[in-house]
Amino acid sequence: MLNSKQRAYLKGLAANIDPTFQIGKGGVNDAQVAQIDDYLRVHELIKIKVLENSMYTSREAADEIAAKIGADVVIVIGSKAVLYKPNPEKPIINLK
């Protein structure tokens, strides 16, 4: 669980990244969740975009993905969501 200072720091880092994955009308599938988990293992922070034709809201998609892979939802704004999952072996982002 992230505290408010950690969340604010991660929001600042996420402001400079573009969405890496899109959730469309097919919704959240297992292959996509596996790809997001692999991406997070390397980068620790990801921004996803939920398209208008999706049956999910941004919050629903972010919560479902985070629950499946053990990540934290940093923020959800509009159609975008930011997820964080620290790499246990080689952390890149230092949260103190």
N, C-alpha and C. Protein backbone atom coordinates (compact mmCIF):
# COMPACT_ATOMS: atom_id res chain seq x y z
N MET A 1 0.85 -1.19 0.00
CA MET A 1 0.00 0.00 0.00
C MET A 1 0.89 1.24 0.00
N LEU A 2 0.55 2.17 -0.84
CA LEU A 2 1.33 3.40 -0.97
C LEU A 2 0.79 4.48 -0.04
N ASN A 3 1.70 5.25 0.54
CA ASN A 3 1.24 6.40 1.31
C ASN A 3 1.13 7.62 0.39
N SER A 4 0.66 8.73 0.90
CA SER A 4 0.39 9.89 0.04
C SER A 4 1.66 10.48 -0.57
N LYS A 5 2.78 10.47 0.16
CA LYS A 5 4.03 11.00 -0.40
C LYS A 5 4.55 10.12 -1.52
N GLN A 6 4.48 8.82 -1.33
CA GLN A 6 4.91 7.90 -2.38
C GLN A 6 4.03 8.02 -3.61
N ARG A 7 2.72 8.12 -3.39
CA ARG A 7 1.78 8.27 -4.50
C ARG A 7 2.06 9.56 -5.28
N ALA A 8 2.32 10.66 -4.57
CA ALA A 8 2.62 11.94 -5.22
C ALA A 8 3.90 11.85 -6.03
N TYR A 9 4.92 11.18 -5.49
CA TYR A 9 6.18 11.01 -6.20
C TYR A 9 5.98 10.21 -7.49
N LEU A 10 5.21 9.11 -7.39
CA LEU A 10 4.95 8.28 -8.56
C LEU A 10 4.10 9.00 -9.61
N LYS A 11 3.16 9.83 -9.15
CA LYS A 11 2.37 10.63 -10.09
C LYS A 11 3.26 11.57 -10.88
N GLY A 12 4.24 12.16 -10.21
CA GLY A 12 5.18 13.04 -10.89
C GLY A 12 6.01 12.30 -11.93
N LEU A 13 6.45 11.10 -11.61
CA LEU A 13 7.20 10.29 -12.58
C LEU A 13 6.33 9.88 -13.76
N ALA A 14 5.08 9.56 -13.49
CA ALA A 14 4.17 9.09 -14.53
C ALA A 14 3.73 10.20 -15.48
N ALA A 15 3.85 11.45 -15.05
CA ALA A 15 3.42 12.56 -15.90
C ALA A 15 4.20 12.61 -17.20
N ASN A 16 5.42 12.08 -17.19
CA ASN A 16 6.28 12.16 -18.36
C ASN A 16 6.25 10.92 -19.25
N ILE A 17 5.45 9.94 -18.92
CA ILE A 17 5.42 8.73 -19.75
C ILE A 17 4.11 8.65 -20.54
N ASP A 18 4.19 8.02 -21.69
CA ASP A 18 3.02 7.82 -22.54
C ASP A 18 2.37 6.48 -22.19
N PRO A 19 1.07 6.35 -22.47
CA PRO A 19 0.42 5.05 -22.22
C PRO A 19 1.09 3.94 -23.03
N THR A 20 1.38 2.84 -22.36
CA THR A 20 2.07 1.72 -22.99
C THR A 20 1.08 0.67 -23.49
N PHE A 21 -0.01 0.49 -22.79
CA PHE A 21 -1.02 -0.50 -23.16
C PHE A 21 -2.38 0.15 -23.27
N GLN A 22 -3.23 -0.42 -24.14
CA GLN A 22 -4.59 0.06 -24.30
C GLN A 22 -5.56 -1.08 -24.01
N ILE A 23 -6.63 -0.74 -23.32
CA ILE A 23 -7.70 -1.70 -23.06
C ILE A 23 -8.85 -1.31 -23.98
N GLY A 24 -9.24 -2.21 -24.86
CA GLY A 24 -10.28 -1.92 -25.83
C GLY A 24 -11.55 -2.68 -25.55
N LYS A 25 -12.31 -2.91 -26.62
CA LYS A 25 -13.61 -3.56 -26.46
C LYS A 25 -13.50 -5.01 -26.02
N GLY A 26 -12.34 -5.61 -26.19
CA GLY A 26 -12.13 -6.99 -25.74
C GLY A 26 -11.97 -7.09 -24.23
N GLY A 27 -11.75 -5.96 -23.58
CA GLY A 27 -11.60 -5.95 -22.14
C GLY A 27 -10.21 -6.39 -21.70
N VAL A 28 -10.12 -6.81 -20.47
CA VAL A 28 -8.84 -7.24 -19.88
C VAL A 28 -8.75 -8.74 -20.04
N ASN A 29 -7.76 -9.21 -20.81
CA ASN A 29 -7.59 -10.65 -20.97
C ASN A 29 -6.28 -11.10 -20.32
N ASP A 30 -6.13 -12.40 -20.15
CA ASP A 30 -4.98 -12.95 -19.43
C ASP A 30 -3.66 -12.67 -20.13
N ALA A 31 -3.65 -12.69 -21.46
CA ALA A 31 -2.42 -12.42 -22.20
C ALA A 31 -1.96 -10.98 -21.97
N GLN A 32 -2.91 -10.06 -21.98
CA GLN A 32 -2.59 -8.66 -21.76
C GLN A 32 -2.09 -8.45 -20.32
N VAL A 33 -2.71 -9.09 -19.37
CA VAL A 33 -2.29 -8.98 -17.97
C VAL A 33 -0.86 -9.51 -17.82
N ALA A 34 -0.53 -10.62 -18.50
CA ALA A 34 0.82 -11.17 -18.43
C ALA A 34 1.84 -10.21 -19.04
N GLN A 35 1.48 -9.56 -20.14
CA GLN A 35 2.37 -8.58 -20.76
C GLN A 35 2.59 -7.38 -19.84
N ILE A 36 1.54 -6.92 -19.20
CA ILE A 36 1.66 -5.79 -18.28
C ILE A 36 2.54 -6.17 -17.10
N ASP A 37 2.38 -7.39 -16.59
CA ASP A 37 3.20 -7.85 -15.47
C ASP A 37 4.67 -7.91 -15.88
N ASP A 38 4.96 -8.42 -17.07
CA ASP A 38 6.34 -8.47 -17.56
C ASP A 38 6.92 -7.07 -17.70
N TYR A 39 6.12 -6.15 -18.23
CA TYR A 39 6.57 -4.76 -18.40
C TYR A 39 6.87 -4.14 -17.04
N LEU A 40 6.01 -4.37 -16.07
CA LEU A 40 6.21 -3.81 -14.74
C LEU A 40 7.43 -4.40 -14.05
N ARG A 41 7.77 -5.64 -14.34
CA ARG A 41 8.95 -6.25 -13.74
C ARG A 41 10.21 -5.50 -14.15
N VAL A 42 10.21 -4.93 -15.34
CA VAL A 42 11.37 -4.18 -15.84
C VAL A 42 11.29 -2.71 -15.47
N HIS A 43 10.12 -2.09 -15.68
CA HIS A 43 9.99 -0.64 -15.55
C HIS A 43 9.36 -0.15 -14.24
N GLU A 44 8.63 -1.01 -13.56
CA GLU A 44 7.98 -0.73 -12.27
C GLU A 44 6.81 0.24 -12.33
N LEU A 45 6.70 1.06 -13.36
CA LEU A 45 5.63 2.05 -13.46
C LEU A 45 5.08 2.01 -14.88
N ILE A 46 3.76 1.98 -15.00
CA ILE A 46 3.14 1.88 -16.32
C ILE A 46 1.89 2.75 -16.37
N LYS A 47 1.65 3.31 -17.54
CA LYS A 47 0.42 4.05 -17.77
C LYS A 47 -0.37 3.29 -18.82
N ILE A 48 -1.64 3.04 -18.51
CA ILE A 48 -2.52 2.36 -19.47
C ILE A 48 -3.66 3.30 -19.85
N LYS A 49 -4.19 3.07 -21.04
CA LYS A 49 -5.31 3.87 -21.52
C LYS A 49 -6.48 2.94 -21.80
N VAL A 50 -7.66 3.35 -21.36
CA VAL A 50 -8.87 2.57 -21.62
C VAL A 50 -9.64 3.30 -22.71
N LEU A 51 -9.84 2.63 -23.82
CA LEU A 51 -10.51 3.24 -24.96
C LEU A 51 -12.00 3.40 -24.70
N GLU A 52 -12.62 4.32 -25.41
CA GLU A 52 -14.04 4.62 -25.21
C GLU A 52 -14.94 3.43 -25.52
N ASN A 53 -14.52 2.56 -26.44
CA ASN A 53 -15.36 1.42 -26.81
C ASN A 53 -15.22 0.25 -25.85
N SER A 54 -14.45 0.41 -24.80
CA SER A 54 -14.26 -0.66 -23.82
C SER A 54 -15.48 -0.78 -22.93
N MET A 55 -15.73 -1.99 -22.45
CA MET A 55 -16.84 -2.20 -21.53
C MET A 55 -16.43 -1.88 -20.10
N TYR A 56 -15.17 -1.55 -19.88
CA TYR A 56 -14.64 -1.20 -18.57
C TYR A 56 -14.48 0.31 -18.43
N THR A 57 -14.61 0.79 -17.21
CA THR A 57 -14.17 2.15 -16.92
C THR A 57 -12.68 2.06 -16.61
N SER A 58 -12.02 3.18 -16.58
CA SER A 58 -10.58 3.18 -16.26
C SER A 58 -10.33 2.60 -14.88
N ARG A 59 -11.15 2.95 -13.92
CA ARG A 59 -11.00 2.45 -12.55
C ARG A 59 -11.18 0.94 -12.49
N GLU A 60 -12.21 0.43 -13.17
CA GLU A 60 -12.46 -1.01 -13.16
C GLU A 60 -11.30 -1.78 -13.78
N ALA A 61 -10.81 -1.30 -14.91
CA ALA A 61 -9.69 -1.98 -15.58
C ALA A 61 -8.45 -1.95 -14.71
N ALA A 62 -8.13 -0.78 -14.15
CA ALA A 62 -6.94 -0.66 -13.31
C ALA A 62 -7.03 -1.56 -12.08
N ASP A 63 -8.18 -1.56 -11.43
CA ASP A 63 -8.37 -2.40 -10.24
C ASP A 63 -8.25 -3.89 -10.57
N GLU A 64 -8.82 -4.30 -11.69
CA GLU A 64 -8.77 -5.71 -12.06
C GLU A 64 -7.34 -6.15 -12.38
N ILE A 65 -6.63 -5.34 -13.16
CA ILE A 65 -5.24 -5.68 -13.50
C ILE A 65 -4.38 -5.70 -12.24
N ALA A 66 -4.53 -4.68 -11.40
CA ALA A 66 -3.72 -4.59 -10.18
C ALA A 66 -3.98 -5.79 -9.27
N ALA A 67 -5.22 -6.21 -9.17
CA ALA A 67 -5.55 -7.36 -8.32
C ALA A 67 -4.93 -8.65 -8.86
N LYS A 68 -4.91 -8.80 -10.17
CA LYS A 68 -4.38 -10.02 -10.77
C LYS A 68 -2.87 -10.13 -10.65
N ILE A 69 -2.16 -9.00 -10.66
CA ILE A 69 -0.69 -9.06 -10.66
C ILE A 69 -0.06 -8.55 -9.37
N GLY A 70 -0.86 -8.08 -8.43
CA GLY A 70 -0.33 -7.60 -7.17
C GLY A 70 0.32 -6.23 -7.26
N ALA A 71 -0.22 -5.38 -8.11
CA ALA A 71 0.31 -4.02 -8.28
C ALA A 71 -0.54 -3.03 -7.50
N ASP A 72 -0.06 -1.80 -7.39
CA ASP A 72 -0.80 -0.72 -6.76
C ASP A 72 -1.30 0.23 -7.84
N VAL A 73 -2.54 0.69 -7.71
CA VAL A 73 -3.07 1.72 -8.59
C VAL A 73 -2.62 3.05 -8.00
N VAL A 74 -1.82 3.79 -8.76
CA VAL A 74 -1.31 5.07 -8.29
C VAL A 74 -2.38 6.14 -8.46
N ILE A 75 -2.93 6.23 -9.67
CA ILE A 75 -3.93 7.26 -9.96
C ILE A 75 -4.74 6.84 -11.18
N VAL A 76 -5.97 7.28 -11.21
CA VAL A 76 -6.84 7.11 -12.38
C VAL A 76 -7.40 8.48 -12.71
N ILE A 77 -7.11 8.96 -13.90
CA ILE A 77 -7.64 10.25 -14.36
C ILE A 77 -8.20 10.05 -15.76
N GLY A 78 -9.46 10.33 -15.92
CA GLY A 78 -10.09 10.20 -17.23
C GLY A 78 -9.98 8.79 -17.75
N SER A 79 -9.40 8.65 -18.93
CA SER A 79 -9.28 7.33 -19.56
C SER A 79 -7.93 6.67 -19.26
N LYS A 80 -7.12 7.29 -18.42
CA LYS A 80 -5.78 6.75 -18.15
C LYS A 80 -5.64 6.33 -16.69
N ALA A 81 -4.80 5.32 -16.49
CA ALA A 81 -4.50 4.83 -15.14
C ALA A 81 -3.02 4.53 -15.05
N VAL A 82 -2.46 4.72 -13.87
CA VAL A 82 -1.05 4.45 -13.62
C VAL A 82 -0.95 3.35 -12.57
N LEU A 83 -0.13 2.33 -12.87
CA LEU A 83 0.08 1.22 -11.97
C LEU A 83 1.55 1.15 -11.57
N TYR A 84 1.80 0.70 -10.33
CA TYR A 84 3.16 0.56 -9.83
C TYR A 84 3.31 -0.80 -9.18
N LYS A 85 4.41 -1.46 -9.52
CA LYS A 85 4.75 -2.73 -8.87
C LYS A 85 6.28 -2.79 -8.76
N PRO A 86 6.80 -2.77 -7.54
CA PRO A 86 8.26 -2.78 -7.39
C PRO A 86 8.87 -4.11 -7.80
N ASN A 87 10.06 -4.03 -8.36
CA ASN A 87 10.82 -5.23 -8.70
C ASN A 87 11.54 -5.68 -7.42
N PRO A 88 11.24 -6.88 -6.92
CA PRO A 88 11.84 -7.30 -5.65
C PRO A 88 13.34 -7.54 -5.73
N GLU A 89 13.86 -7.85 -6.92
CA GLU A 89 15.28 -8.16 -7.07
C GLU A 89 16.13 -6.92 -7.33
N LYS A 90 15.71 -6.12 -8.30
CA LYS A 90 16.48 -4.92 -8.69
C LYS A 90 15.55 -3.72 -8.77
N PRO A 91 15.21 -3.11 -7.64
CA PRO A 91 14.30 -1.96 -7.70
C PRO A 91 14.92 -0.77 -8.45
N ILE A 92 14.12 -0.16 -9.28
CA ILE A 92 14.55 1.01 -10.06
C ILE A 92 14.12 2.28 -9.36
N ILE A 93 12.88 2.30 -8.92
CA ILE A 93 12.30 3.47 -8.27
C ILE A 93 12.48 3.33 -6.76
N ASN A 94 13.10 4.31 -6.14
CA ASN A 94 13.38 4.28 -4.71
C ASN A 94 12.29 5.03 -3.96
N LEU A 95 11.43 4.30 -3.28
CA LEU A 95 10.38 4.90 -2.46
C LEU A 95 10.76 4.78 -1.00
N LYS A 96 10.92 5.90 -0.34
CA LYS A 96 11.24 5.86 1.09
C LYS A 96 10.24 6.65 1.87
